[in-house]
Amino acid sequence: MIEMDAEAFETLVSDELDRLPDDMVGGLDNVVFVIEDRPEDGSLDLLGLYDGLALTERAQYGMGDLPDRIIVYREPHLDVCDDEDHLRDEVHTTLVHEIAHFYGIDDARLHELGWA
């Protein structure tokens, strides 16, 4: 486990988001990224969550719809990582994983691709 305050973690997540390929993040429409300490149940088991409707499941979507959210949980990441390099790798993987859910890629396919 490593220590990192909320502000430093937010900066790290922002840096990792900036490192993702443009074609991955360019299609993110009406999506916000949120950093929370822990999931609502207080567990340390979940690193991230896509809260929204995948592109593949949208019939109509447009103005007035609340944004989808990609949530990155700080404390679970810190709990599973040994150092900052490991943390960057885990945050990167979490971002790719949750963005993939936005595009309609399920956990089984992510596992096949090595992102789960």
N, C-alpha and C. Protein backbone atom coordinates (compact mmCIF):
# COMPACT_ATOMS: atom_id res chain seq x y z
N MET A 1 0.83 -1.18 0.00
CA MET A 1 0.00 0.00 0.00
C MET A 1 0.88 1.25 0.00
N ILE A 2 0.45 2.26 -0.75
CA ILE A 2 1.18 3.52 -0.73
C ILE A 2 0.27 4.63 -0.24
N GLU A 3 0.87 5.75 0.11
CA GLU A 3 0.13 6.92 0.59
C GLU A 3 0.14 7.99 -0.51
N MET A 4 -1.01 8.62 -0.72
CA MET A 4 -1.09 9.74 -1.65
C MET A 4 -2.37 10.51 -1.34
N ASP A 5 -2.25 11.82 -1.21
CA ASP A 5 -3.44 12.61 -0.90
C ASP A 5 -4.32 12.75 -2.14
N ALA A 6 -5.53 13.24 -1.92
CA ALA A 6 -6.53 13.30 -2.99
C ALA A 6 -6.07 14.18 -4.14
N GLU A 7 -5.43 15.30 -3.84
CA GLU A 7 -4.99 16.22 -4.90
C GLU A 7 -3.92 15.58 -5.78
N ALA A 8 -2.95 14.93 -5.18
CA ALA A 8 -1.89 14.27 -5.95
C ALA A 8 -2.46 13.13 -6.78
N PHE A 9 -3.42 12.39 -6.23
CA PHE A 9 -4.04 11.30 -6.96
C PHE A 9 -4.81 11.85 -8.16
N GLU A 10 -5.53 12.93 -7.96
CA GLU A 10 -6.28 13.54 -9.06
C GLU A 10 -5.33 13.97 -10.18
N THR A 11 -4.20 14.53 -9.84
CA THR A 11 -3.21 14.92 -10.84
C THR A 11 -2.70 13.71 -11.59
N LEU A 12 -2.42 12.63 -10.87
CA LEU A 12 -1.94 11.40 -11.50
C LEU A 12 -2.98 10.85 -12.47
N VAL A 13 -4.25 10.83 -12.06
CA VAL A 13 -5.32 10.33 -12.94
C VAL A 13 -5.42 11.22 -14.18
N SER A 14 -5.36 12.51 -13.99
CA SER A 14 -5.42 13.44 -15.12
C SER A 14 -4.26 13.22 -16.08
N ASP A 15 -3.07 13.01 -15.55
CA ASP A 15 -1.90 12.73 -16.38
C ASP A 15 -2.09 11.45 -17.19
N GLU A 16 -2.60 10.41 -16.54
CA GLU A 16 -2.81 9.14 -17.23
C GLU A 16 -3.91 9.27 -18.29
N LEU A 17 -4.92 10.05 -18.01
CA LEU A 17 -5.98 10.29 -18.99
C LEU A 17 -5.40 11.01 -20.22
N ASP A 18 -4.52 11.96 -19.99
CA ASP A 18 -3.88 12.68 -21.09
C ASP A 18 -3.00 11.77 -21.94
N ARG A 19 -2.51 10.69 -21.38
CA ARG A 19 -1.63 9.77 -22.10
C ARG A 19 -2.38 8.76 -22.97
N LEU A 20 -3.69 8.68 -22.79
CA LEU A 20 -4.47 7.74 -23.59
C LEU A 20 -4.56 8.22 -25.03
N PRO A 21 -4.67 7.28 -25.97
CA PRO A 21 -4.74 7.66 -27.40
C PRO A 21 -5.96 8.53 -27.69
N ASP A 22 -5.77 9.49 -28.59
CA ASP A 22 -6.86 10.39 -28.97
C ASP A 22 -8.08 9.65 -29.49
N ASP A 23 -7.85 8.57 -30.24
CA ASP A 23 -9.01 7.85 -30.80
C ASP A 23 -9.80 7.12 -29.72
N MET A 24 -9.21 6.91 -28.56
CA MET A 24 -9.93 6.28 -27.45
C MET A 24 -10.79 7.31 -26.71
N VAL A 25 -10.23 8.47 -26.44
CA VAL A 25 -10.94 9.47 -25.66
C VAL A 25 -11.73 10.45 -26.52
N GLY A 26 -11.41 10.53 -27.79
CA GLY A 26 -12.07 11.48 -28.68
C GLY A 26 -13.56 11.23 -28.85
N GLY A 27 -13.99 9.99 -28.71
CA GLY A 27 -15.40 9.65 -28.87
C GLY A 27 -16.21 9.71 -27.60
N LEU A 28 -15.59 10.09 -26.51
CA LEU A 28 -16.30 10.16 -25.24
C LEU A 28 -17.20 11.39 -25.24
N ASP A 29 -18.46 11.15 -25.46
CA ASP A 29 -19.43 12.23 -25.53
C ASP A 29 -20.29 12.24 -24.28
N ASN A 30 -20.36 13.39 -23.61
CA ASN A 30 -21.18 13.55 -22.43
C ASN A 30 -20.76 12.59 -21.32
N VAL A 31 -19.44 12.53 -21.08
CA VAL A 31 -18.86 11.68 -20.03
C VAL A 31 -18.01 12.56 -19.13
N VAL A 32 -18.17 12.38 -17.83
CA VAL A 32 -17.31 13.07 -16.88
C VAL A 32 -16.51 12.04 -16.10
N PHE A 33 -15.31 12.44 -15.72
CA PHE A 33 -14.46 11.59 -14.89
C PHE A 33 -14.53 12.11 -13.46
N VAL A 34 -14.76 11.19 -12.53
CA VAL A 34 -14.94 11.53 -11.13
C VAL A 34 -13.97 10.69 -10.31
N ILE A 35 -13.37 11.32 -9.32
CA ILE A 35 -12.51 10.58 -8.40
C ILE A 35 -13.18 10.59 -7.04
N GLU A 36 -13.34 9.40 -6.48
CA GLU A 36 -13.91 9.24 -5.14
C GLU A 36 -12.96 8.40 -4.32
N ASP A 37 -13.04 8.55 -3.00
CA ASP A 37 -12.15 7.78 -2.13
C ASP A 37 -12.44 6.29 -2.21
N ARG A 38 -13.73 5.93 -2.07
CA ARG A 38 -14.13 4.51 -2.06
C ARG A 38 -15.50 4.37 -2.69
N PRO A 39 -15.83 3.13 -3.10
CA PRO A 39 -17.21 2.87 -3.53
C PRO A 39 -18.18 3.10 -2.37
N GLU A 40 -19.46 3.24 -2.69
CA GLU A 40 -20.48 3.50 -1.67
C GLU A 40 -20.50 2.46 -0.56
N ASP A 41 -20.18 1.21 -0.88
CA ASP A 41 -20.21 0.17 0.15
C ASP A 41 -18.97 0.18 1.04
N GLY A 42 -18.03 1.08 0.76
CA GLY A 42 -16.84 1.22 1.59
C GLY A 42 -15.75 0.20 1.33
N SER A 43 -15.96 -0.67 0.38
CA SER A 43 -14.99 -1.74 0.12
C SER A 43 -13.76 -1.22 -0.60
N LEU A 44 -12.74 -2.04 -0.63
CA LEU A 44 -11.52 -1.75 -1.38
C LEU A 44 -11.39 -2.66 -2.59
N ASP A 45 -12.48 -3.32 -2.97
CA ASP A 45 -12.43 -4.31 -4.04
C ASP A 45 -12.59 -3.74 -5.44
N LEU A 46 -13.14 -2.55 -5.56
CA LEU A 46 -13.47 -1.98 -6.86
C LEU A 46 -12.56 -0.80 -7.15
N LEU A 47 -11.85 -0.86 -8.30
CA LEU A 47 -10.93 0.22 -8.66
C LEU A 47 -11.61 1.33 -9.45
N GLY A 48 -12.62 0.96 -10.22
CA GLY A 48 -13.31 1.95 -11.03
C GLY A 48 -14.69 1.47 -11.40
N LEU A 49 -15.48 2.39 -11.96
CA LEU A 49 -16.85 2.07 -12.32
C LEU A 49 -17.30 2.95 -13.47
N TYR A 50 -17.94 2.33 -14.47
CA TYR A 50 -18.61 3.10 -15.52
C TYR A 50 -20.07 3.17 -15.14
N ASP A 51 -20.57 4.37 -14.96
CA ASP A 51 -21.96 4.60 -14.58
C ASP A 51 -22.64 5.33 -15.73
N GLY A 52 -23.29 4.54 -16.58
CA GLY A 52 -23.95 5.14 -17.73
C GLY A 52 -24.49 4.08 -18.66
N LEU A 53 -24.86 4.51 -19.84
CA LEU A 53 -25.42 3.63 -20.85
C LEU A 53 -24.43 3.53 -22.01
N ALA A 54 -23.95 2.33 -22.27
CA ALA A 54 -22.95 2.12 -23.33
C ALA A 54 -23.49 2.58 -24.68
N LEU A 55 -22.58 3.01 -25.53
CA LEU A 55 -22.98 3.44 -26.88
C LEU A 55 -23.78 2.38 -27.62
N THR A 56 -23.45 1.14 -27.39
CA THR A 56 -24.13 0.05 -28.09
C THR A 56 -25.55 -0.17 -27.59
N GLU A 57 -25.93 0.45 -26.48
CA GLU A 57 -27.26 0.27 -25.90
C GLU A 57 -28.13 1.52 -26.01
N ARG A 58 -27.62 2.55 -26.64
CA ARG A 58 -28.35 3.81 -26.72
C ARG A 58 -29.21 3.85 -27.97
N ALA A 59 -30.50 4.04 -27.77
CA ALA A 59 -31.39 4.24 -28.91
C ALA A 59 -31.39 5.72 -29.27
N GLN A 60 -31.71 6.54 -28.30
CA GLN A 60 -31.65 7.98 -28.48
C GLN A 60 -30.93 8.56 -27.27
N TYR A 61 -30.09 9.50 -27.55
CA TYR A 61 -29.29 10.10 -26.49
C TYR A 61 -28.96 11.49 -26.96
N GLY A 62 -29.15 12.45 -26.12
CA GLY A 62 -28.84 13.79 -26.59
C GLY A 62 -28.92 14.83 -25.52
N MET A 63 -29.23 16.03 -25.95
CA MET A 63 -29.27 17.18 -25.06
C MET A 63 -30.24 16.92 -23.90
N GLY A 64 -29.84 17.32 -22.74
CA GLY A 64 -30.68 17.17 -21.57
C GLY A 64 -30.40 15.91 -20.78
N ASP A 65 -29.69 14.95 -21.37
CA ASP A 65 -29.34 13.74 -20.64
C ASP A 65 -28.18 14.03 -19.70
N LEU A 66 -28.27 13.50 -18.48
CA LEU A 66 -27.16 13.64 -17.55
C LEU A 66 -25.93 12.93 -18.12
N PRO A 67 -24.76 13.43 -17.81
CA PRO A 67 -23.56 12.78 -18.35
C PRO A 67 -23.33 11.42 -17.72
N ASP A 68 -22.75 10.53 -18.50
CA ASP A 68 -22.25 9.27 -17.95
C ASP A 68 -21.05 9.63 -17.07
N ARG A 69 -20.74 8.72 -16.15
CA ARG A 69 -19.61 8.96 -15.26
C ARG A 69 -18.65 7.78 -15.30
N ILE A 70 -17.38 8.11 -15.31
CA ILE A 70 -16.34 7.12 -15.08
C ILE A 70 -15.72 7.50 -13.75
N ILE A 71 -15.88 6.59 -12.79
CA ILE A 71 -15.42 6.85 -11.43
C ILE A 71 -14.14 6.06 -11.18
N VAL A 72 -13.13 6.74 -10.67
CA VAL A 72 -11.87 6.11 -10.27
C VAL A 72 -11.78 6.23 -8.76
N TYR A 73 -11.59 5.09 -8.10
CA TYR A 73 -11.55 5.07 -6.64
C TYR A 73 -10.10 5.13 -6.14
N ARG A 74 -9.81 6.14 -5.33
CA ARG A 74 -8.45 6.40 -4.87
C ARG A 74 -7.95 5.34 -3.87
N GLU A 75 -8.67 5.12 -2.80
CA GLU A 75 -8.17 4.23 -1.75
C GLU A 75 -7.97 2.78 -2.22
N PRO A 76 -8.86 2.20 -3.00
CA PRO A 76 -8.58 0.85 -3.50
C PRO A 76 -7.31 0.79 -4.36
N HIS A 77 -7.08 1.84 -5.17
CA HIS A 77 -5.84 1.86 -5.96
C HIS A 77 -4.62 1.90 -5.05
N LEU A 78 -4.67 2.78 -4.06
CA LEU A 78 -3.53 2.89 -3.15
C LEU A 78 -3.30 1.60 -2.38
N ASP A 79 -4.38 0.88 -2.08
CA ASP A 79 -4.29 -0.36 -1.33
C ASP A 79 -3.58 -1.48 -2.10
N VAL A 80 -3.77 -1.51 -3.42
CA VAL A 80 -3.19 -2.62 -4.20
C VAL A 80 -1.84 -2.31 -4.81
N CYS A 81 -1.37 -1.07 -4.67
CA CYS A 81 -0.12 -0.68 -5.34
C CYS A 81 1.03 -0.54 -4.34
N ASP A 82 2.21 -0.91 -4.83
CA ASP A 82 3.41 -0.88 -4.00
C ASP A 82 4.20 0.42 -4.15
N ASP A 83 4.08 1.06 -5.33
CA ASP A 83 4.82 2.29 -5.58
C ASP A 83 4.08 3.10 -6.65
N GLU A 84 4.59 4.29 -6.94
CA GLU A 84 3.89 5.17 -7.87
C GLU A 84 3.86 4.62 -9.29
N ASP A 85 4.90 3.93 -9.72
CA ASP A 85 4.87 3.33 -11.06
C ASP A 85 3.75 2.29 -11.17
N HIS A 86 3.63 1.46 -10.16
CA HIS A 86 2.56 0.47 -10.12
C HIS A 86 1.20 1.18 -10.11
N LEU A 87 1.09 2.25 -9.34
CA LEU A 87 -0.15 3.02 -9.28
C LEU A 87 -0.51 3.59 -10.65
N ARG A 88 0.45 4.15 -11.35
CA ARG A 88 0.19 4.68 -12.70
C ARG A 88 -0.32 3.59 -13.63
N ASP A 89 0.31 2.41 -13.56
CA ASP A 89 -0.12 1.29 -14.40
C ASP A 89 -1.56 0.88 -14.08
N GLU A 90 -1.89 0.81 -12.79
CA GLU A 90 -3.24 0.41 -12.39
C GLU A 90 -4.28 1.45 -12.78
N VAL A 91 -3.96 2.72 -12.61
CA VAL A 91 -4.89 3.78 -13.01
C VAL A 91 -5.09 3.74 -14.52
N HIS A 92 -4.02 3.56 -15.27
CA HIS A 92 -4.11 3.46 -16.73
C HIS A 92 -5.04 2.31 -17.13
N THR A 93 -4.82 1.16 -16.53
CA THR A 93 -5.66 -0.01 -16.83
C THR A 93 -7.11 0.25 -16.46
N THR A 94 -7.35 0.87 -15.31
CA THR A 94 -8.71 1.18 -14.89
C THR A 94 -9.38 2.13 -15.87
N LEU A 95 -8.67 3.17 -16.31
CA LEU A 95 -9.25 4.10 -17.28
C LEU A 95 -9.61 3.40 -18.58
N VAL A 96 -8.70 2.59 -19.10
CA VAL A 96 -8.98 1.85 -20.34
C VAL A 96 -10.18 0.93 -20.15
N HIS A 97 -10.23 0.24 -19.04
CA HIS A 97 -11.30 -0.70 -18.74
C HIS A 97 -12.66 0.01 -18.71
N GLU A 98 -12.73 1.12 -17.98
CA GLU A 98 -14.02 1.81 -17.84
C GLU A 98 -14.41 2.53 -19.14
N ILE A 99 -13.47 3.06 -19.87
CA ILE A 99 -13.77 3.67 -21.17
C ILE A 99 -14.28 2.61 -22.13
N ALA A 100 -13.71 1.41 -22.06
CA ALA A 100 -14.18 0.31 -22.91
C ALA A 100 -15.65 0.00 -22.64
N HIS A 101 -16.07 0.07 -21.39
CA HIS A 101 -17.48 -0.14 -21.07
C HIS A 101 -18.36 0.92 -21.74
N PHE A 102 -17.88 2.16 -21.80
CA PHE A 102 -18.61 3.21 -22.51
C PHE A 102 -18.86 2.79 -23.97
N TYR A 103 -17.86 2.18 -24.58
CA TYR A 103 -17.97 1.75 -25.98
C TYR A 103 -18.70 0.42 -26.14
N GLY A 104 -19.14 -0.17 -25.03
CA GLY A 104 -19.93 -1.39 -25.10
C GLY A 104 -19.13 -2.68 -25.02
N ILE A 105 -17.89 -2.61 -24.62
CA ILE A 105 -17.05 -3.80 -24.48
C ILE A 105 -17.26 -4.36 -23.08
N ASP A 106 -17.68 -5.61 -23.00
CA ASP A 106 -17.99 -6.20 -21.69
C ASP A 106 -16.74 -6.79 -21.03
N ASP A 107 -16.91 -7.22 -19.77
CA ASP A 107 -15.79 -7.75 -19.00
C ASP A 107 -15.17 -8.99 -19.63
N ALA A 108 -15.98 -9.86 -20.22
CA ALA A 108 -15.45 -11.08 -20.85
C ALA A 108 -14.48 -10.71 -21.97
N ARG A 109 -14.86 -9.77 -22.80
CA ARG A 109 -13.99 -9.35 -23.91
C ARG A 109 -12.76 -8.62 -23.38
N LEU A 110 -12.94 -7.79 -22.36
CA LEU A 110 -11.80 -7.11 -21.76
C LEU A 110 -10.80 -8.11 -21.19
N HIS A 111 -11.33 -9.17 -20.60
CA HIS A 111 -10.45 -10.22 -20.06
C HIS A 111 -9.64 -10.86 -21.21
N GLU A 112 -10.32 -11.15 -22.31
CA GLU A 112 -9.62 -11.72 -23.48
C GLU A 112 -8.51 -10.80 -23.99
N LEU A 113 -8.77 -9.49 -23.90
CA LEU A 113 -7.80 -8.51 -24.38
C LEU A 113 -6.72 -8.16 -23.35
N GLY A 114 -6.87 -8.69 -22.13
CA GLY A 114 -5.89 -8.44 -21.07
C GLY A 114 -6.12 -7.17 -20.28
N TRP A 115 -7.32 -6.60 -20.33
CA TRP A 115 -7.63 -5.36 -19.62
C TRP A 115 -8.58 -5.59 -18.45
N ALA A 116 -8.74 -6.81 -18.01
CA ALA A 116 -9.65 -7.08 -16.88
C ALA A 116 -8.93 -7.89 -15.82
